[in-house]
Amino acid sequence: MIVTVTKKGVLRWDGQERRAAIGKGGFITADAKREGDGASPIGEWPLRYVYYRPDRVTPPITALSVQPISAQMGWCDAPADPNYNRPVMHPYPGSAEHLWRDDELYDVIVVLGHNDDPVVPGAGSAIFLHCAKPDYTPTEGCIALKRDDLLELLSQTQPGDALAILPD
């Protein structure tokens, strides 16, 4: 299955349609994507695996690999670091965002296969499909859905499925 999202913040799959938040920098071609630009990269990105916050949600029902988040988990966003665009554990000596957040945005995270095979330093990190803020405030480059919508989507996903960020 290919899940699609448009610049208008409409996510579609299997005849369904949901509102989505997109990057505050809009959409950008994958070759122009840079760390910190706030843009969502155009392209088709495999749905790799799922993280969830076990103190807030039960394990999502999905055929994808599912792993609980711990309070020490992070994601490296320092382009010069050898672990760039990879999960790390805090405390971490380099720059890395915390996956265990006070807000609910990372209660469920789908790691997308953007800039991971191979990793290109500076070409964007932590491009996820995650939970949206109630007002669908733009993201830092990720795609975000209401948590219930994200869980519904995950219940229908299979290994090999992808998210296509469309230019139009």
N, C-alpha and C. Protein backbone atom coordinates (compact mmCIF):
# COMPACT_ATOMS: atom_id res chain seq x y z
N MET A 1 0.85 -1.18 0.00
CA MET A 1 0.00 0.00 0.00
C MET A 1 0.89 1.24 0.00
N ILE A 2 0.48 2.20 -0.78
CA ILE A 2 1.13 3.50 -0.80
C ILE A 2 0.16 4.50 -0.16
N VAL A 3 0.61 5.13 0.90
CA VAL A 3 -0.13 6.19 1.57
C VAL A 3 0.38 7.49 0.98
N THR A 4 -0.52 8.40 0.61
CA THR A 4 -0.07 9.65 0.00
C THR A 4 -0.46 10.84 0.87
N VAL A 5 0.35 11.88 0.77
CA VAL A 5 0.03 13.15 1.45
C VAL A 5 0.34 14.28 0.48
N THR A 6 -0.53 15.28 0.48
CA THR A 6 -0.39 16.42 -0.43
C THR A 6 -0.02 17.69 0.34
N LYS A 7 0.39 18.70 -0.41
CA LYS A 7 0.74 20.00 0.19
C LYS A 7 -0.42 20.63 0.94
N LYS A 8 -1.63 20.23 0.61
CA LYS A 8 -2.81 20.77 1.29
C LYS A 8 -3.06 20.07 2.62
N GLY A 9 -2.19 19.12 2.99
CA GLY A 9 -2.35 18.42 4.25
C GLY A 9 -3.45 17.38 4.22
N VAL A 10 -3.57 16.68 3.11
CA VAL A 10 -4.55 15.60 2.98
C VAL A 10 -3.78 14.30 2.81
N LEU A 11 -4.02 13.37 3.73
CA LEU A 11 -3.39 12.06 3.68
C LEU A 11 -4.43 11.05 3.24
N ARG A 12 -4.06 10.21 2.25
CA ARG A 12 -5.00 9.23 1.67
C ARG A 12 -4.39 7.83 1.69
N TRP A 13 -5.25 6.86 1.96
CA TRP A 13 -4.88 5.45 1.82
C TRP A 13 -6.13 4.62 1.67
N ASP A 14 -6.08 3.66 0.81
CA ASP A 14 -7.13 2.66 0.65
C ASP A 14 -8.54 3.27 0.66
N GLY A 15 -8.72 4.33 -0.11
CA GLY A 15 -10.02 4.98 -0.21
C GLY A 15 -10.39 5.88 0.96
N GLN A 16 -9.50 6.03 1.92
CA GLN A 16 -9.76 6.89 3.08
C GLN A 16 -8.97 8.19 2.95
N GLU A 17 -9.44 9.20 3.66
CA GLU A 17 -8.81 10.51 3.61
C GLU A 17 -8.84 11.12 5.00
N ARG A 18 -7.70 11.66 5.45
CA ARG A 18 -7.58 12.28 6.76
C ARG A 18 -6.78 13.57 6.66
N ARG A 19 -7.03 14.47 7.57
CA ARG A 19 -6.26 15.71 7.66
C ARG A 19 -4.89 15.38 8.23
N ALA A 20 -3.86 16.07 7.74
CA ALA A 20 -2.49 15.87 8.21
C ALA A 20 -1.78 17.22 8.33
N ALA A 21 -0.83 17.27 9.25
CA ALA A 21 0.07 18.41 9.34
C ALA A 21 1.31 18.07 8.52
N ILE A 22 1.87 19.08 7.87
CA ILE A 22 3.08 18.90 7.07
C ILE A 22 4.16 19.85 7.60
N GLY A 23 5.33 19.78 7.02
CA GLY A 23 6.44 20.63 7.45
C GLY A 23 6.15 22.10 7.28
N LYS A 24 6.62 22.90 8.25
CA LYS A 24 6.41 24.35 8.22
C LYS A 24 7.09 24.99 7.02
N GLY A 25 8.08 24.31 6.45
CA GLY A 25 8.76 24.80 5.26
C GLY A 25 8.14 24.29 3.97
N GLY A 26 6.96 23.67 4.08
CA GLY A 26 6.29 23.13 2.89
C GLY A 26 6.97 21.86 2.43
N PHE A 27 6.89 21.59 1.14
CA PHE A 27 7.52 20.41 0.55
C PHE A 27 8.76 20.84 -0.21
N ILE A 28 9.75 19.96 -0.25
CA ILE A 28 11.00 20.26 -0.93
C ILE A 28 11.49 18.98 -1.59
N THR A 29 12.20 19.09 -2.70
CA THR A 29 12.73 17.89 -3.33
C THR A 29 13.74 17.23 -2.38
N ALA A 30 13.81 15.93 -2.43
CA ALA A 30 14.68 15.20 -1.51
C ALA A 30 16.14 15.61 -1.67
N ASP A 31 16.58 15.91 -2.88
CA ASP A 31 17.98 16.29 -3.07
C ASP A 31 18.28 17.69 -2.53
N ALA A 32 17.25 18.51 -2.32
CA ALA A 32 17.44 19.85 -1.75
C ALA A 32 17.21 19.87 -0.24
N LYS A 33 16.71 18.78 0.33
CA LYS A 33 16.42 18.70 1.77
C LYS A 33 17.69 18.90 2.59
N ARG A 34 17.60 19.76 3.63
CA ARG A 34 18.73 20.02 4.51
C ARG A 34 18.27 19.98 5.96
N GLU A 35 19.16 19.60 6.82
CA GLU A 35 18.87 19.55 8.26
C GLU A 35 18.37 20.90 8.75
N GLY A 36 17.25 20.89 9.44
CA GLY A 36 16.73 22.10 10.06
C GLY A 36 15.91 23.00 9.16
N ASP A 37 15.65 22.61 7.90
CA ASP A 37 14.90 23.50 7.00
C ASP A 37 13.39 23.48 7.25
N GLY A 38 12.90 22.53 8.04
CA GLY A 38 11.47 22.46 8.35
C GLY A 38 10.60 21.97 7.21
N ALA A 39 11.21 21.47 6.15
CA ALA A 39 10.45 21.03 4.98
C ALA A 39 10.26 19.52 4.98
N SER A 40 9.15 19.08 4.41
CA SER A 40 8.87 17.66 4.21
C SER A 40 9.43 17.25 2.85
N PRO A 41 10.23 16.17 2.81
CA PRO A 41 10.88 15.78 1.56
C PRO A 41 9.94 15.03 0.60
N ILE A 42 9.86 15.52 -0.62
CA ILE A 42 9.06 14.88 -1.65
C ILE A 42 9.70 13.53 -1.99
N GLY A 43 8.87 12.52 -2.12
CA GLY A 43 9.36 11.20 -2.48
C GLY A 43 8.52 10.12 -1.83
N GLU A 44 8.90 8.89 -2.08
CA GLU A 44 8.21 7.73 -1.52
C GLU A 44 9.13 7.10 -0.48
N TRP A 45 8.67 7.09 0.78
CA TRP A 45 9.49 6.68 1.91
C TRP A 45 8.89 5.44 2.58
N PRO A 46 9.65 4.35 2.63
CA PRO A 46 9.14 3.14 3.29
C PRO A 46 8.77 3.39 4.74
N LEU A 47 7.71 2.71 5.19
CA LEU A 47 7.35 2.72 6.60
C LEU A 47 8.24 1.66 7.26
N ARG A 48 9.25 2.09 8.00
CA ARG A 48 10.26 1.17 8.53
C ARG A 48 9.76 0.40 9.75
N TYR A 49 9.42 1.11 10.82
CA TYR A 49 8.98 0.48 12.06
C TYR A 49 8.30 1.52 12.93
N VAL A 50 7.71 1.07 14.04
CA VAL A 50 6.88 1.92 14.90
C VAL A 50 7.46 1.95 16.31
N TYR A 51 7.50 3.15 16.88
CA TYR A 51 7.78 3.35 18.30
C TYR A 51 6.48 3.81 18.96
N TYR A 52 6.31 3.47 20.21
CA TYR A 52 5.15 3.97 20.95
C TYR A 52 5.54 4.24 22.40
N ARG A 53 4.81 5.13 23.01
CA ARG A 53 5.04 5.53 24.41
C ARG A 53 4.20 4.62 25.31
N PRO A 54 4.80 3.63 25.98
CA PRO A 54 4.03 2.60 26.69
C PRO A 54 3.24 3.10 27.90
N ASP A 55 3.60 4.25 28.45
CA ASP A 55 2.84 4.78 29.58
C ASP A 55 1.60 5.55 29.13
N ARG A 56 1.45 5.75 27.83
CA ARG A 56 0.32 6.52 27.30
C ARG A 56 -0.57 5.75 26.34
N VAL A 57 0.00 4.80 25.60
CA VAL A 57 -0.78 4.03 24.63
C VAL A 57 -0.39 2.56 24.70
N THR A 58 -1.31 1.71 24.30
CA THR A 58 -1.00 0.30 24.18
C THR A 58 -0.24 0.08 22.87
N PRO A 59 0.45 -1.03 22.74
CA PRO A 59 1.18 -1.26 21.49
C PRO A 59 0.22 -1.18 20.29
N PRO A 60 0.56 -0.38 19.29
CA PRO A 60 -0.30 -0.28 18.11
C PRO A 60 -0.47 -1.64 17.44
N ILE A 61 -1.67 -1.87 16.93
CA ILE A 61 -1.94 -3.07 16.16
C ILE A 61 -1.50 -2.80 14.73
N THR A 62 -0.48 -3.52 14.29
CA THR A 62 0.08 -3.34 12.96
C THR A 62 0.96 -4.54 12.62
N ALA A 63 1.17 -4.76 11.35
CA ALA A 63 2.09 -5.81 10.90
C ALA A 63 3.54 -5.32 10.89
N LEU A 64 3.74 -4.01 11.10
CA LEU A 64 5.10 -3.48 11.17
C LEU A 64 5.73 -3.83 12.51
N SER A 65 7.03 -3.80 12.57
CA SER A 65 7.75 -4.02 13.83
C SER A 65 7.42 -2.88 14.80
N VAL A 66 7.14 -3.22 16.06
CA VAL A 66 6.73 -2.24 17.07
C VAL A 66 7.67 -2.34 18.27
N GLN A 67 8.11 -1.17 18.77
CA GLN A 67 9.02 -1.14 19.91
C GLN A 67 8.62 -0.01 20.85
N PRO A 68 8.61 -0.26 22.17
CA PRO A 68 8.30 0.82 23.11
C PRO A 68 9.44 1.82 23.19
N ILE A 69 9.11 3.08 23.44
CA ILE A 69 10.09 4.13 23.67
C ILE A 69 10.44 4.11 25.16
N SER A 70 11.71 4.31 25.45
CA SER A 70 12.13 4.49 26.84
C SER A 70 12.51 5.96 27.05
N ALA A 71 12.60 6.36 28.29
CA ALA A 71 12.92 7.76 28.61
C ALA A 71 14.29 8.18 28.11
N GLN A 72 15.16 7.23 27.82
CA GLN A 72 16.52 7.57 27.38
C GLN A 72 16.67 7.63 25.86
N MET A 73 15.65 7.27 25.13
CA MET A 73 15.79 7.19 23.68
C MET A 73 15.82 8.56 23.02
N GLY A 74 16.66 8.66 22.00
CA GLY A 74 16.77 9.89 21.23
C GLY A 74 17.03 9.58 19.77
N TRP A 75 17.18 10.65 18.98
CA TRP A 75 17.47 10.52 17.55
C TRP A 75 18.51 11.57 17.19
N CYS A 76 19.65 11.14 16.68
CA CYS A 76 20.76 12.05 16.40
C CYS A 76 20.46 12.96 15.21
N ASP A 77 20.62 14.27 15.44
CA ASP A 77 20.37 15.26 14.38
C ASP A 77 21.61 16.12 14.07
N ALA A 78 22.78 15.64 14.48
CA ALA A 78 24.04 16.36 14.23
C ALA A 78 24.70 15.79 12.98
N PRO A 79 24.71 16.56 11.87
CA PRO A 79 25.22 16.03 10.60
C PRO A 79 26.64 15.46 10.65
N ALA A 80 27.51 16.00 11.48
CA ALA A 80 28.89 15.51 11.53
C ALA A 80 29.05 14.29 12.43
N ASP A 81 28.02 13.90 13.13
CA ASP A 81 28.09 12.77 14.06
C ASP A 81 27.97 11.46 13.28
N PRO A 82 28.74 10.44 13.63
CA PRO A 82 28.63 9.15 12.94
C PRO A 82 27.27 8.48 13.11
N ASN A 83 26.50 8.88 14.11
CA ASN A 83 25.16 8.32 14.33
C ASN A 83 24.05 9.20 13.76
N TYR A 84 24.41 10.13 12.89
CA TYR A 84 23.42 11.03 12.30
C TYR A 84 22.26 10.24 11.69
N ASN A 85 21.05 10.71 11.97
CA ASN A 85 19.80 10.12 11.50
C ASN A 85 19.66 8.65 11.94
N ARG A 86 20.06 8.41 13.17
CA ARG A 86 19.94 7.09 13.78
C ARG A 86 19.45 7.25 15.22
N PRO A 87 18.81 6.21 15.76
CA PRO A 87 18.43 6.26 17.17
C PRO A 87 19.68 6.20 18.06
N VAL A 88 19.62 6.91 19.18
CA VAL A 88 20.70 6.93 20.16
C VAL A 88 20.09 6.90 21.56
N MET A 89 20.93 6.73 22.55
CA MET A 89 20.47 6.74 23.93
C MET A 89 21.04 7.97 24.66
N HIS A 90 20.20 8.62 25.44
CA HIS A 90 20.61 9.76 26.26
C HIS A 90 21.07 9.26 27.62
N PRO A 91 22.05 9.91 28.25
CA PRO A 91 22.69 11.11 27.73
C PRO A 91 23.56 10.77 26.51
N TYR A 92 23.54 11.67 25.55
CA TYR A 92 24.29 11.49 24.32
C TYR A 92 25.21 12.69 24.14
N PRO A 93 26.47 12.47 23.76
CA PRO A 93 27.40 13.60 23.69
C PRO A 93 27.14 14.58 22.55
N GLY A 94 26.45 14.13 21.51
CA GLY A 94 26.15 15.01 20.38
C GLY A 94 24.72 15.50 20.44
N SER A 95 24.31 16.25 19.44
CA SER A 95 22.95 16.77 19.38
C SER A 95 21.99 15.64 18.99
N ALA A 96 20.97 15.47 19.81
CA ALA A 96 19.97 14.42 19.55
C ALA A 96 18.67 14.81 20.23
N GLU A 97 17.59 14.75 19.48
CA GLU A 97 16.31 15.06 20.11
C GLU A 97 15.86 13.91 20.99
N HIS A 98 15.05 14.22 21.97
CA HIS A 98 14.49 13.22 22.88
C HIS A 98 13.19 12.68 22.28
N LEU A 99 13.05 11.37 22.24
CA LEU A 99 11.80 10.78 21.76
C LEU A 99 10.74 10.73 22.86
N TRP A 100 11.17 10.72 24.11
CA TRP A 100 10.25 10.73 25.26
C TRP A 100 9.95 12.19 25.54
N ARG A 101 8.80 12.67 25.06
CA ARG A 101 8.46 14.09 25.13
C ARG A 101 7.36 14.36 26.14
N ASP A 102 7.32 15.60 26.62
CA ASP A 102 6.26 16.00 27.55
C ASP A 102 4.92 16.12 26.83
N ASP A 103 4.95 16.55 25.57
CA ASP A 103 3.70 16.62 24.81
C ASP A 103 3.37 15.22 24.27
N GLU A 104 2.34 15.12 23.48
CA GLU A 104 1.88 13.81 22.99
C GLU A 104 2.30 13.52 21.55
N LEU A 105 3.14 14.37 20.96
CA LEU A 105 3.48 14.23 19.55
C LEU A 105 4.16 12.91 19.21
N TYR A 106 4.97 12.40 20.12
CA TYR A 106 5.69 11.16 19.85
C TYR A 106 5.11 9.97 20.64
N ASP A 107 3.84 10.04 20.98
CA ASP A 107 3.21 8.88 21.62
C ASP A 107 3.22 7.68 20.66
N VAL A 108 3.11 7.96 19.37
CA VAL A 108 3.24 6.93 18.32
C VAL A 108 4.08 7.56 17.21
N ILE A 109 5.12 6.86 16.82
CA ILE A 109 6.03 7.34 15.76
C ILE A 109 6.22 6.23 14.75
N VAL A 110 6.09 6.57 13.48
CA VAL A 110 6.46 5.66 12.41
C VAL A 110 7.75 6.21 11.79
N VAL A 111 8.81 5.46 11.86
CA VAL A 111 10.08 5.88 11.28
C VAL A 111 9.99 5.66 9.77
N LEU A 112 10.23 6.72 9.02
CA LEU A 112 10.20 6.65 7.56
C LEU A 112 11.61 6.42 7.02
N GLY A 113 11.68 5.76 5.90
CA GLY A 113 12.97 5.45 5.28
C GLY A 113 13.52 6.62 4.48
N HIS A 114 13.56 7.80 5.08
CA HIS A 114 14.16 8.97 4.43
C HIS A 114 15.61 9.12 4.90
N ASN A 115 16.52 9.25 3.97
CA ASN A 115 17.94 9.48 4.23
C ASN A 115 18.52 8.43 5.19
N ASP A 116 18.19 7.18 4.93
CA ASP A 116 18.72 6.13 5.82
C ASP A 116 19.46 5.01 5.09
N ASP A 117 19.49 5.04 3.76
CA ASP A 117 20.11 3.93 3.04
C ASP A 117 20.70 4.42 1.72
N PRO A 118 21.85 5.07 1.74
CA PRO A 118 22.70 5.37 2.89
C PRO A 118 22.31 6.71 3.52
N VAL A 119 22.82 6.94 4.72
CA VAL A 119 22.64 8.24 5.39
C VAL A 119 23.59 9.23 4.74
N VAL A 120 23.06 10.39 4.36
CA VAL A 120 23.87 11.47 3.82
C VAL A 120 23.90 12.58 4.87
N PRO A 121 25.07 12.89 5.41
CA PRO A 121 25.15 13.92 6.45
C PRO A 121 24.53 15.25 5.99
N GLY A 122 23.63 15.77 6.81
CA GLY A 122 23.00 17.07 6.54
C GLY A 122 21.78 17.02 5.66
N ALA A 123 21.41 15.84 5.13
CA ALA A 123 20.29 15.74 4.19
C ALA A 123 18.94 15.51 4.88
N GLY A 124 18.89 15.73 6.19
CA GLY A 124 17.63 15.62 6.93
C GLY A 124 17.58 14.39 7.80
N SER A 125 17.14 14.61 9.04
CA SER A 125 17.04 13.51 9.99
C SER A 125 15.66 13.50 10.63
N ALA A 126 15.33 12.36 11.22
CA ALA A 126 14.10 12.21 12.01
C ALA A 126 12.85 12.62 11.24
N ILE A 127 12.74 12.16 10.01
CA ILE A 127 11.51 12.39 9.25
C ILE A 127 10.57 11.24 9.61
N PHE A 128 9.58 11.57 10.42
CA PHE A 128 8.65 10.59 10.97
C PHE A 128 7.22 10.87 10.52
N LEU A 129 6.39 9.88 10.71
CA LEU A 129 4.95 10.03 10.70
C LEU A 129 4.57 9.91 12.17
N HIS A 130 3.99 10.97 12.74
CA HIS A 130 3.73 10.97 14.18
C HIS A 130 2.41 11.66 14.49
N CYS A 131 2.11 11.82 15.76
CA CYS A 131 0.85 12.43 16.20
C CYS A 131 0.88 13.95 16.00
N ALA A 132 -0.24 14.48 15.57
CA ALA A 132 -0.37 15.92 15.32
C ALA A 132 -0.81 16.66 16.57
N LYS A 133 -0.49 17.95 16.60
CA LYS A 133 -1.04 18.84 17.62
C LYS A 133 -2.52 19.01 17.32
N PRO A 134 -3.34 19.33 18.33
CA PRO A 134 -4.79 19.45 18.09
C PRO A 134 -5.16 20.41 16.96
N ASP A 135 -4.36 21.46 16.76
CA ASP A 135 -4.67 22.44 15.72
C ASP A 135 -3.90 22.18 14.42
N TYR A 136 -3.23 21.03 14.34
CA TYR A 136 -2.46 20.63 13.15
C TYR A 136 -1.37 21.66 12.80
N THR A 137 -0.76 22.23 13.82
CA THR A 137 0.36 23.13 13.62
C THR A 137 1.41 22.42 12.75
N PRO A 138 2.02 23.14 11.82
CA PRO A 138 3.05 22.51 10.98
C PRO A 138 4.18 21.90 11.81
N THR A 139 4.81 20.90 11.24
CA THR A 139 5.88 20.15 11.89
C THR A 139 7.25 20.72 11.49
N GLU A 140 8.29 20.06 11.96
CA GLU A 140 9.66 20.42 11.58
C GLU A 140 10.10 19.70 10.31
N GLY A 141 9.15 19.06 9.61
CA GLY A 141 9.44 18.33 8.37
C GLY A 141 8.74 16.99 8.30
N CYS A 142 8.21 16.56 9.43
CA CYS A 142 7.48 15.29 9.49
C CYS A 142 6.06 15.45 8.95
N ILE A 143 5.36 14.35 8.88
CA ILE A 143 3.93 14.32 8.58
C ILE A 143 3.25 13.88 9.87
N ALA A 144 2.16 14.55 10.25
CA ALA A 144 1.50 14.24 11.52
C ALA A 144 0.00 14.09 11.35
N LEU A 145 -0.55 13.13 12.07
CA LEU A 145 -1.98 12.82 12.05
C LEU A 145 -2.53 12.83 13.46
N LYS A 146 -3.84 13.01 13.58
CA LYS A 146 -4.50 12.80 14.86
C LYS A 146 -4.16 11.37 15.30
N ARG A 147 -3.89 11.17 16.59
CA ARG A 147 -3.44 9.86 17.06
C ARG A 147 -4.38 8.73 16.64
N ASP A 148 -5.69 8.91 16.78
CA ASP A 148 -6.62 7.86 16.39
C ASP A 148 -6.51 7.53 14.90
N ASP A 149 -6.29 8.57 14.07
CA ASP A 149 -6.13 8.34 12.64
C ASP A 149 -4.84 7.58 12.35
N LEU A 150 -3.78 7.93 13.07
CA LEU A 150 -2.51 7.23 12.88
C LEU A 150 -2.64 5.76 13.29
N LEU A 151 -3.31 5.50 14.39
CA LEU A 151 -3.52 4.12 14.83
C LEU A 151 -4.38 3.34 13.83
N GLU A 152 -5.39 4.00 13.27
CA GLU A 152 -6.22 3.35 12.25
C GLU A 152 -5.39 3.00 11.02
N LEU A 153 -4.57 3.94 10.57
CA LEU A 153 -3.69 3.68 9.43
C LEU A 153 -2.76 2.51 9.73
N LEU A 154 -2.14 2.52 10.90
CA LEU A 154 -1.20 1.44 11.24
C LEU A 154 -1.87 0.08 11.25
N SER A 155 -3.13 0.02 11.63
CA SER A 155 -3.83 -1.27 11.66
C SER A 155 -3.97 -1.88 10.27
N GLN A 156 -3.75 -1.07 9.24
CA GLN A 156 -3.89 -1.54 7.86
C GLN A 156 -2.57 -1.64 7.11
N THR A 157 -1.47 -1.31 7.77
CA THR A 157 -0.17 -1.33 7.08
C THR A 157 0.49 -2.70 7.14
N GLN A 158 1.38 -2.91 6.18
CA GLN A 158 2.15 -4.14 6.05
C GLN A 158 3.60 -3.77 5.79
N PRO A 159 4.53 -4.67 6.11
CA PRO A 159 5.92 -4.42 5.70
C PRO A 159 5.95 -4.19 4.18
N GLY A 160 6.74 -3.23 3.77
CA GLY A 160 6.84 -2.88 2.35
C GLY A 160 5.96 -1.70 1.98
N ASP A 161 5.02 -1.30 2.85
CA ASP A 161 4.19 -0.12 2.56
C ASP A 161 5.04 1.14 2.66
N ALA A 162 4.57 2.21 2.04
CA ALA A 162 5.33 3.45 2.00
C ALA A 162 4.42 4.67 2.09
N LEU A 163 5.03 5.78 2.47
CA LEU A 163 4.37 7.08 2.47
C LEU A 163 4.95 7.89 1.32
N ALA A 164 4.08 8.34 0.43
CA ALA A 164 4.51 9.17 -0.70
C ALA A 164 4.14 10.61 -0.41
N ILE A 165 5.14 11.47 -0.28
CA ILE A 165 4.93 12.90 -0.13
C ILE A 165 4.93 13.46 -1.55
N LEU A 166 3.74 13.92 -1.97
CA LEU A 166 3.54 14.30 -3.37
C LEU A 166 3.79 15.78 -3.61
N PRO A 167 4.37 16.13 -4.76
CA PRO A 167 4.66 17.53 -5.05
C PRO A 167 3.42 18.38 -5.27
N ASP A 168 2.32 17.80 -5.68
CA ASP A 168 1.08 18.58 -5.95
C ASP A 168 -0.06 18.07 -5.13
